[in-house]
């Protein structure tokens, strides 16, 4: 995503908010972690990782990453826009990986697993799946 550098921090927060909204809709336990400077890519000004709880590993694992690169990438690629004064200026670039299906599905299945081995799925998925529970033998149940 490209935007005015003055809007980059607000746009980054919006991107995080969209990913969080999806995780909340799925009822997943997650956390947002601000990466230390030494853990970010050399071009990123600020990176947040969203991590979901994976019971089988007894830990949180990264599911998504959102970064603000400031004008670094725009300088390298010569990406410019015209300001209100008509003069060219660099844009800020941001990146968000969204929620990958495989990792998200693993978190849904693990966090929904019950003591008897069945899996209770998030209510938000029922309209698409037509069932709410998967029995321990893998049979869908209404």
N, C-alpha and C. Protein backbone atom coordinates (compact mmCIF):
# COMPACT_ATOMS: atom_id res chain seq x y z
N UNK A 1 0.84 -1.17 0.00
CA UNK A 1 0.00 0.00 0.00
C UNK A 1 0.89 1.24 0.00
N UNK A 2 0.45 2.24 -0.70
CA UNK A 2 1.16 3.52 -0.73
C UNK A 2 0.24 4.59 -0.14
N UNK A 3 0.86 5.54 0.56
CA UNK A 3 0.07 6.65 1.13
C UNK A 3 1.01 7.82 1.40
N UNK A 4 0.41 8.92 1.79
CA UNK A 4 1.18 10.09 2.19
C UNK A 4 1.98 9.73 3.44
N UNK A 5 3.25 10.09 3.51
CA UNK A 5 4.06 9.74 4.69
C UNK A 5 3.45 10.19 6.02
N UNK A 6 2.72 11.31 6.01
CA UNK A 6 2.10 11.77 7.25
C UNK A 6 0.96 10.85 7.72
N UNK A 7 0.41 10.07 6.79
CA UNK A 7 -0.70 9.17 7.11
C UNK A 7 -0.25 7.74 7.38
N UNK A 8 1.03 7.46 7.23
CA UNK A 8 1.52 6.09 7.29
C UNK A 8 1.24 5.39 8.63
N UNK A 9 1.46 6.07 9.73
CA UNK A 9 1.23 5.44 11.03
C UNK A 9 -0.25 5.10 11.22
N UNK A 10 -1.13 6.00 10.83
CA UNK A 10 -2.57 5.74 10.96
C UNK A 10 -3.00 4.60 10.04
N UNK A 11 -2.44 4.55 8.84
CA UNK A 11 -2.78 3.46 7.91
C UNK A 11 -2.26 2.13 8.42
N UNK A 12 -1.10 2.14 9.06
CA UNK A 12 -0.55 0.91 9.64
C UNK A 12 -1.49 0.39 10.73
N UNK A 13 -1.99 1.29 11.55
CA UNK A 13 -2.92 0.90 12.61
C UNK A 13 -4.22 0.34 12.03
N UNK A 14 -4.68 0.91 10.92
CA UNK A 14 -5.88 0.39 10.26
C UNK A 14 -5.64 -1.03 9.76
N UNK A 15 -4.47 -1.27 9.19
CA UNK A 15 -4.15 -2.60 8.67
C UNK A 15 -4.13 -3.63 9.80
N UNK A 16 -3.55 -3.26 10.91
CA UNK A 16 -3.53 -4.16 12.07
C UNK A 16 -4.97 -4.41 12.54
N UNK A 17 -5.75 -3.35 12.56
CA UNK A 17 -7.15 -3.46 12.98
C UNK A 17 -7.95 -4.42 12.11
N UNK A 18 -7.69 -4.42 10.81
CA UNK A 18 -8.40 -5.34 9.91
C UNK A 18 -8.04 -6.79 10.22
N UNK A 19 -6.75 -7.06 10.42
CA UNK A 19 -6.33 -8.43 10.74
C UNK A 19 -6.89 -8.85 12.10
N UNK A 20 -6.86 -7.93 13.07
CA UNK A 20 -7.42 -8.24 14.39
C UNK A 20 -8.92 -8.52 14.31
N UNK A 21 -9.63 -7.78 13.49
CA UNK A 21 -11.08 -7.99 13.35
C UNK A 21 -11.36 -9.40 12.85
N UNK A 22 -10.56 -9.87 11.90
CA UNK A 22 -10.74 -11.24 11.39
C UNK A 22 -10.46 -12.27 12.48
N UNK A 23 -9.39 -12.06 13.24
CA UNK A 23 -9.06 -13.01 14.32
C UNK A 23 -10.14 -13.01 15.39
N UNK A 24 -10.67 -11.83 15.71
CA UNK A 24 -11.75 -11.75 16.70
C UNK A 24 -13.01 -12.43 16.19
N UNK A 25 -13.33 -12.24 14.92
CA UNK A 25 -14.51 -12.87 14.33
C UNK A 25 -14.41 -14.39 14.40
N UNK A 26 -13.19 -14.91 14.29
CA UNK A 26 -12.96 -16.35 14.39
C UNK A 26 -12.84 -16.81 15.84
N UNK A 27 -12.84 -15.87 16.77
CA UNK A 27 -12.75 -16.21 18.19
C UNK A 27 -11.40 -16.77 18.59
N UNK A 28 -10.36 -16.41 17.88
CA UNK A 28 -9.03 -16.96 18.16
C UNK A 28 -8.28 -16.15 19.21
N UNK A 29 -7.58 -16.85 20.07
CA UNK A 29 -6.68 -16.20 21.03
C UNK A 29 -5.45 -15.74 20.24
N UNK A 30 -5.11 -14.48 20.39
CA UNK A 30 -3.98 -13.93 19.65
C UNK A 30 -3.35 -12.80 20.46
N UNK A 31 -2.21 -12.34 19.98
CA UNK A 31 -1.58 -11.15 20.55
C UNK A 31 -0.88 -10.39 19.44
N UNK A 32 -0.66 -9.11 19.69
CA UNK A 32 0.07 -8.25 18.75
C UNK A 32 1.41 -7.92 19.40
N UNK A 33 2.48 -8.16 18.67
CA UNK A 33 3.83 -7.95 19.18
C UNK A 33 4.53 -6.91 18.31
N UNK A 34 5.14 -5.91 18.94
CA UNK A 34 5.95 -4.95 18.22
C UNK A 34 7.36 -5.52 18.13
N UNK A 35 7.86 -5.68 16.91
CA UNK A 35 9.19 -6.25 16.73
C UNK A 35 10.26 -5.25 17.15
N UNK A 36 11.28 -5.77 17.79
CA UNK A 36 12.44 -4.94 18.16
C UNK A 36 13.18 -4.55 16.88
N UNK A 37 13.88 -3.45 16.93
CA UNK A 37 14.58 -2.95 15.74
C UNK A 37 15.49 -4.01 15.12
N UNK A 38 16.14 -4.80 15.93
CA UNK A 38 17.05 -5.83 15.42
C UNK A 38 16.33 -6.98 14.74
N UNK A 39 15.03 -7.11 14.97
CA UNK A 39 14.25 -8.19 14.37
C UNK A 39 13.49 -7.78 13.12
N UNK A 40 13.47 -6.48 12.82
CA UNK A 40 12.78 -6.02 11.62
C UNK A 40 13.72 -6.07 10.44
N UNK A 41 13.15 -6.09 9.25
CA UNK A 41 13.97 -6.01 8.05
C UNK A 41 14.67 -4.66 8.00
N UNK A 42 15.77 -4.59 7.27
CA UNK A 42 16.55 -3.35 7.28
C UNK A 42 15.79 -2.18 6.69
N UNK A 43 14.76 -2.45 5.89
CA UNK A 43 14.02 -1.36 5.26
C UNK A 43 12.78 -0.92 6.05
N UNK A 44 12.38 -1.70 7.05
CA UNK A 44 11.16 -1.38 7.79
C UNK A 44 11.44 -0.40 8.93
N UNK A 45 10.54 0.56 9.09
CA UNK A 45 10.62 1.48 10.22
C UNK A 45 9.96 0.88 11.45
N UNK A 46 8.86 0.14 11.21
CA UNK A 46 8.10 -0.43 12.31
C UNK A 46 7.37 -1.67 11.80
N UNK A 47 7.45 -2.75 12.57
CA UNK A 47 6.76 -3.99 12.19
C UNK A 47 6.03 -4.55 13.40
N UNK A 48 4.79 -4.95 13.15
CA UNK A 48 3.99 -5.66 14.14
C UNK A 48 3.77 -7.07 13.64
N UNK A 49 3.89 -8.04 14.53
CA UNK A 49 3.50 -9.41 14.22
C UNK A 49 2.22 -9.72 14.98
N UNK A 50 1.30 -10.38 14.33
CA UNK A 50 0.12 -10.92 15.00
C UNK A 50 0.40 -12.40 15.19
N UNK A 51 0.23 -12.87 16.40
CA UNK A 51 0.54 -14.26 16.73
C UNK A 51 -0.71 -14.92 17.32
N UNK A 52 -0.97 -16.15 16.87
CA UNK A 52 -2.09 -16.92 17.41
C UNK A 52 -1.58 -18.01 18.33
N UNK A 53 -2.42 -18.37 19.30
CA UNK A 53 -2.08 -19.42 20.26
C UNK A 53 -2.28 -20.77 19.60
N UNK A 54 -1.24 -21.62 19.66
CA UNK A 54 -1.32 -22.99 19.17
C UNK A 54 -1.15 -23.93 20.35
N UNK A 55 -2.25 -24.50 20.85
CA UNK A 55 -2.19 -25.36 22.03
C UNK A 55 -1.23 -26.54 21.90
N UNK A 56 -1.12 -27.12 20.70
CA UNK A 56 -0.24 -28.27 20.53
C UNK A 56 1.23 -27.92 20.76
N UNK A 57 1.57 -26.66 20.56
CA UNK A 57 2.94 -26.21 20.76
C UNK A 57 3.09 -25.42 22.06
N UNK A 58 1.96 -25.18 22.73
CA UNK A 58 1.95 -24.43 23.98
C UNK A 58 2.64 -23.07 23.85
N UNK A 59 2.39 -22.41 22.72
CA UNK A 59 3.01 -21.12 22.48
C UNK A 59 2.23 -20.35 21.41
N UNK A 60 2.57 -19.07 21.28
CA UNK A 60 2.03 -18.23 20.21
C UNK A 60 2.96 -18.34 19.01
N UNK A 61 2.38 -18.35 17.81
CA UNK A 61 3.16 -18.38 16.57
C UNK A 61 2.65 -17.28 15.64
N UNK A 62 3.59 -16.70 14.89
CA UNK A 62 3.24 -15.62 13.96
C UNK A 62 2.26 -16.12 12.91
N UNK A 63 1.22 -15.33 12.70
CA UNK A 63 0.25 -15.64 11.66
C UNK A 63 0.22 -14.52 10.62
N UNK A 64 0.64 -13.33 11.00
CA UNK A 64 0.61 -12.20 10.08
C UNK A 64 1.65 -11.17 10.52
N UNK A 65 2.08 -10.38 9.57
CA UNK A 65 3.06 -9.33 9.85
C UNK A 65 2.64 -8.08 9.07
N UNK A 66 2.75 -6.93 9.72
CA UNK A 66 2.36 -5.66 9.11
C UNK A 66 3.51 -4.67 9.34
N UNK A 67 3.96 -4.03 8.26
CA UNK A 67 5.13 -3.15 8.37
C UNK A 67 4.93 -1.80 7.69
N UNK A 68 5.58 -0.79 8.25
CA UNK A 68 5.66 0.54 7.67
C UNK A 68 7.10 0.73 7.21
N UNK A 69 7.30 0.95 5.92
CA UNK A 69 8.64 1.12 5.38
C UNK A 69 9.00 2.59 5.17
N UNK A 70 8.10 3.49 5.60
CA UNK A 70 8.37 4.91 5.39
C UNK A 70 8.56 5.16 3.90
N UNK A 71 9.51 6.01 3.55
CA UNK A 71 9.78 6.32 2.14
C UNK A 71 10.95 5.52 1.58
N UNK A 72 11.46 4.55 2.34
CA UNK A 72 12.62 3.78 1.90
C UNK A 72 12.40 3.13 0.53
N UNK A 73 11.33 2.35 0.40
CA UNK A 73 11.09 1.66 -0.86
C UNK A 73 10.75 2.65 -1.97
N UNK A 74 10.05 3.71 -1.64
CA UNK A 74 9.69 4.71 -2.64
C UNK A 74 10.93 5.40 -3.21
N UNK A 75 11.93 5.66 -2.36
CA UNK A 75 13.17 6.25 -2.83
C UNK A 75 13.87 5.31 -3.81
N UNK A 76 13.91 4.02 -3.47
CA UNK A 76 14.59 3.04 -4.32
C UNK A 76 13.86 2.83 -5.65
N UNK A 77 12.53 2.91 -5.62
CA UNK A 77 11.73 2.67 -6.83
C UNK A 77 11.27 3.96 -7.49
N UNK A 78 11.63 5.09 -6.89
CA UNK A 78 11.25 6.40 -7.40
C UNK A 78 9.73 6.54 -7.54
N UNK A 79 9.03 6.14 -6.48
CA UNK A 79 7.56 6.23 -6.46
C UNK A 79 7.19 7.56 -5.83
N UNK A 80 6.54 8.40 -6.62
CA UNK A 80 6.21 9.75 -6.16
C UNK A 80 4.76 10.07 -6.47
N UNK A 81 4.28 11.07 -5.78
CA UNK A 81 2.96 11.63 -6.04
C UNK A 81 3.13 13.15 -6.01
N UNK A 82 2.10 13.86 -6.36
CA UNK A 82 2.17 15.32 -6.29
C UNK A 82 1.40 15.77 -5.05
N UNK A 83 2.03 16.63 -4.29
CA UNK A 83 1.39 17.20 -3.11
C UNK A 83 0.39 18.26 -3.51
N UNK A 84 -0.27 18.82 -2.51
CA UNK A 84 -1.27 19.88 -2.76
C UNK A 84 -0.64 21.07 -3.48
N UNK A 85 0.66 21.26 -3.26
CA UNK A 85 1.36 22.37 -3.90
C UNK A 85 1.80 22.04 -5.33
N UNK A 86 1.50 20.82 -5.79
CA UNK A 86 1.86 20.42 -7.15
C UNK A 86 3.27 19.89 -7.30
N UNK A 87 4.04 19.91 -6.21
CA UNK A 87 5.42 19.43 -6.29
C UNK A 87 5.46 17.92 -6.02
N UNK A 88 6.35 17.21 -6.72
CA UNK A 88 6.46 15.78 -6.49
C UNK A 88 7.02 15.48 -5.09
N UNK A 89 6.50 14.41 -4.48
CA UNK A 89 7.03 13.98 -3.19
C UNK A 89 6.93 12.46 -3.10
N UNK A 90 7.80 11.91 -2.29
CA UNK A 90 7.83 10.46 -2.10
C UNK A 90 6.61 10.00 -1.31
N UNK A 91 6.18 8.78 -1.57
CA UNK A 91 5.09 8.18 -0.82
C UNK A 91 5.68 7.28 0.27
N UNK A 92 4.88 6.91 1.22
CA UNK A 92 5.26 5.89 2.20
C UNK A 92 4.67 4.57 1.71
N UNK A 93 5.38 3.48 1.96
CA UNK A 93 4.88 2.17 1.58
C UNK A 93 4.67 1.32 2.83
N UNK A 94 3.60 0.53 2.81
CA UNK A 94 3.27 -0.36 3.91
C UNK A 94 2.98 -1.75 3.33
N UNK A 95 3.14 -2.74 4.17
CA UNK A 95 2.88 -4.11 3.73
C UNK A 95 2.21 -4.88 4.85
N UNK A 96 1.23 -5.68 4.49
CA UNK A 96 0.59 -6.57 5.44
C UNK A 96 0.35 -7.91 4.78
N UNK A 97 0.68 -8.98 5.49
CA UNK A 97 0.58 -10.31 4.88
C UNK A 97 -0.81 -10.92 4.98
N UNK A 98 -1.77 -10.25 5.60
CA UNK A 98 -3.10 -10.82 5.73
C UNK A 98 -3.08 -12.04 6.65
N UNK A 99 -4.08 -12.89 6.53
CA UNK A 99 -4.13 -14.11 7.33
C UNK A 99 -4.03 -15.31 6.39
N UNK A 100 -2.91 -16.02 6.39
CA UNK A 100 -2.78 -17.17 5.50
C UNK A 100 -3.74 -18.29 5.90
N UNK A 101 -4.35 -18.90 4.93
CA UNK A 101 -5.40 -19.89 5.18
C UNK A 101 -4.89 -21.07 6.01
N UNK A 102 -3.75 -21.62 5.67
CA UNK A 102 -3.25 -22.80 6.38
C UNK A 102 -3.01 -22.56 7.85
N UNK A 103 -2.32 -21.49 8.17
CA UNK A 103 -2.03 -21.19 9.57
C UNK A 103 -3.30 -20.84 10.34
N UNK A 104 -4.18 -20.11 9.68
CA UNK A 104 -5.44 -19.73 10.32
C UNK A 104 -6.29 -20.96 10.59
N UNK A 105 -6.38 -21.86 9.63
CA UNK A 105 -7.15 -23.09 9.81
C UNK A 105 -6.56 -23.94 10.94
N UNK A 106 -5.23 -24.02 11.00
CA UNK A 106 -4.59 -24.78 12.08
C UNK A 106 -5.00 -24.21 13.44
N UNK A 107 -4.99 -22.89 13.56
CA UNK A 107 -5.37 -22.25 14.83
C UNK A 107 -6.85 -22.50 15.15
N UNK A 108 -7.72 -22.42 14.15
CA UNK A 108 -9.15 -22.67 14.36
C UNK A 108 -9.36 -24.10 14.86
N UNK A 109 -8.71 -25.06 14.21
CA UNK A 109 -8.88 -26.46 14.60
C UNK A 109 -8.29 -26.74 15.98
N UNK A 110 -7.10 -26.23 16.24
CA UNK A 110 -6.46 -26.49 17.53
C UNK A 110 -7.20 -25.81 18.68
N UNK A 111 -7.56 -24.54 18.49
CA UNK A 111 -8.23 -23.84 19.58
C UNK A 111 -9.66 -24.32 19.79
N UNK A 112 -10.25 -24.95 18.76
CA UNK A 112 -11.61 -25.44 18.89
C UNK A 112 -11.70 -26.89 19.35
N UNK A 113 -10.56 -27.55 19.46
CA UNK A 113 -10.60 -28.97 19.84
C UNK A 113 -11.04 -29.15 21.29
N UNK A 114 -11.94 -30.13 21.49
CA UNK A 114 -12.49 -30.43 22.81
C UNK A 114 -11.81 -31.65 23.42
N UNK A 115 -12.07 -31.90 24.68
CA UNK A 115 -11.47 -33.04 25.39
C UNK A 115 -11.76 -34.37 24.70
N UNK A 116 -12.95 -34.50 24.12
CA UNK A 116 -13.33 -35.78 23.48
C UNK A 116 -12.77 -35.92 22.06
N UNK A 117 -12.00 -34.94 21.60
CA UNK A 117 -11.41 -34.98 20.27
C UNK A 117 -12.23 -34.28 19.20
N UNK A 118 -13.47 -33.92 19.54
CA UNK A 118 -14.29 -33.18 18.58
C UNK A 118 -13.78 -31.75 18.48
N UNK A 119 -14.26 -31.06 17.45
CA UNK A 119 -13.83 -29.67 17.23
C UNK A 119 -15.07 -28.80 17.09
N UNK A 120 -15.14 -27.75 17.89
CA UNK A 120 -16.20 -26.76 17.79
C UNK A 120 -15.66 -25.61 16.94
N UNK A 121 -16.36 -25.32 15.87
CA UNK A 121 -15.91 -24.29 14.94
C UNK A 121 -16.51 -22.93 15.30
N UNK A 122 -15.87 -21.85 14.91
CA UNK A 122 -16.41 -20.51 15.19
C UNK A 122 -17.78 -20.31 14.55
N UNK A 123 -18.65 -19.65 15.27
CA UNK A 123 -20.01 -19.37 14.79
C UNK A 123 -19.97 -18.64 13.44
N UNK A 124 -18.95 -17.81 13.24
CA UNK A 124 -18.86 -17.03 12.00
C UNK A 124 -18.66 -17.91 10.77
N UNK A 125 -18.22 -19.16 10.94
CA UNK A 125 -18.01 -20.05 9.80
C UNK A 125 -19.23 -20.90 9.47
N UNK A 126 -20.17 -21.01 10.39
CA UNK A 126 -21.34 -21.88 10.21
C UNK A 126 -22.12 -21.57 8.93
N UNK A 127 -22.39 -20.29 8.60
CA UNK A 127 -23.13 -20.02 7.36
C UNK A 127 -22.42 -20.55 6.10
N UNK A 128 -21.10 -20.66 6.15
CA UNK A 128 -20.35 -21.12 4.98
C UNK A 128 -20.18 -22.63 4.97
N UNK A 129 -20.12 -23.23 6.14
CA UNK A 129 -19.89 -24.67 6.25
C UNK A 129 -21.17 -25.47 6.39
N UNK A 130 -22.17 -24.88 7.04
CA UNK A 130 -23.42 -25.58 7.26
C UNK A 130 -23.40 -26.48 8.49
N UNK A 131 -22.34 -26.43 9.25
CA UNK A 131 -22.25 -27.20 10.49
C UNK A 131 -21.37 -26.46 11.48
N UNK A 132 -21.49 -26.81 12.76
CA UNK A 132 -20.79 -26.11 13.83
C UNK A 132 -19.73 -26.96 14.51
N UNK A 133 -19.86 -28.28 14.33
CA UNK A 133 -18.98 -29.18 15.08
C UNK A 133 -18.50 -30.31 14.19
N UNK A 134 -17.29 -30.74 14.43
CA UNK A 134 -16.75 -31.93 13.75
C UNK A 134 -16.53 -32.96 14.86
N UNK A 135 -17.17 -34.11 14.71
CA UNK A 135 -17.04 -35.15 15.74
C UNK A 135 -15.62 -35.71 15.74
N UNK A 136 -15.28 -36.45 16.78
CA UNK A 136 -13.94 -37.02 16.92
C UNK A 136 -13.61 -37.95 15.74
N UNK A 137 -14.63 -38.52 15.10
CA UNK A 137 -14.36 -39.40 13.95
C UNK A 137 -14.34 -38.63 12.62
N UNK A 138 -14.47 -37.30 12.68
CA UNK A 138 -14.39 -36.46 11.49
C UNK A 138 -15.70 -36.17 10.80
N UNK A 139 -16.80 -36.58 11.41
CA UNK A 139 -18.12 -36.36 10.82
C UNK A 139 -18.65 -34.97 11.20
N UNK A 140 -19.09 -34.19 10.20
CA UNK A 140 -19.69 -32.88 10.51
C UNK A 140 -20.99 -33.06 11.28
N UNK A 141 -21.23 -32.18 12.26
CA UNK A 141 -22.46 -32.19 13.05
C UNK A 141 -23.05 -30.79 13.07
N UNK A 142 -24.37 -30.74 13.00
CA UNK A 142 -25.06 -29.44 13.01
C UNK A 142 -24.99 -28.84 14.35
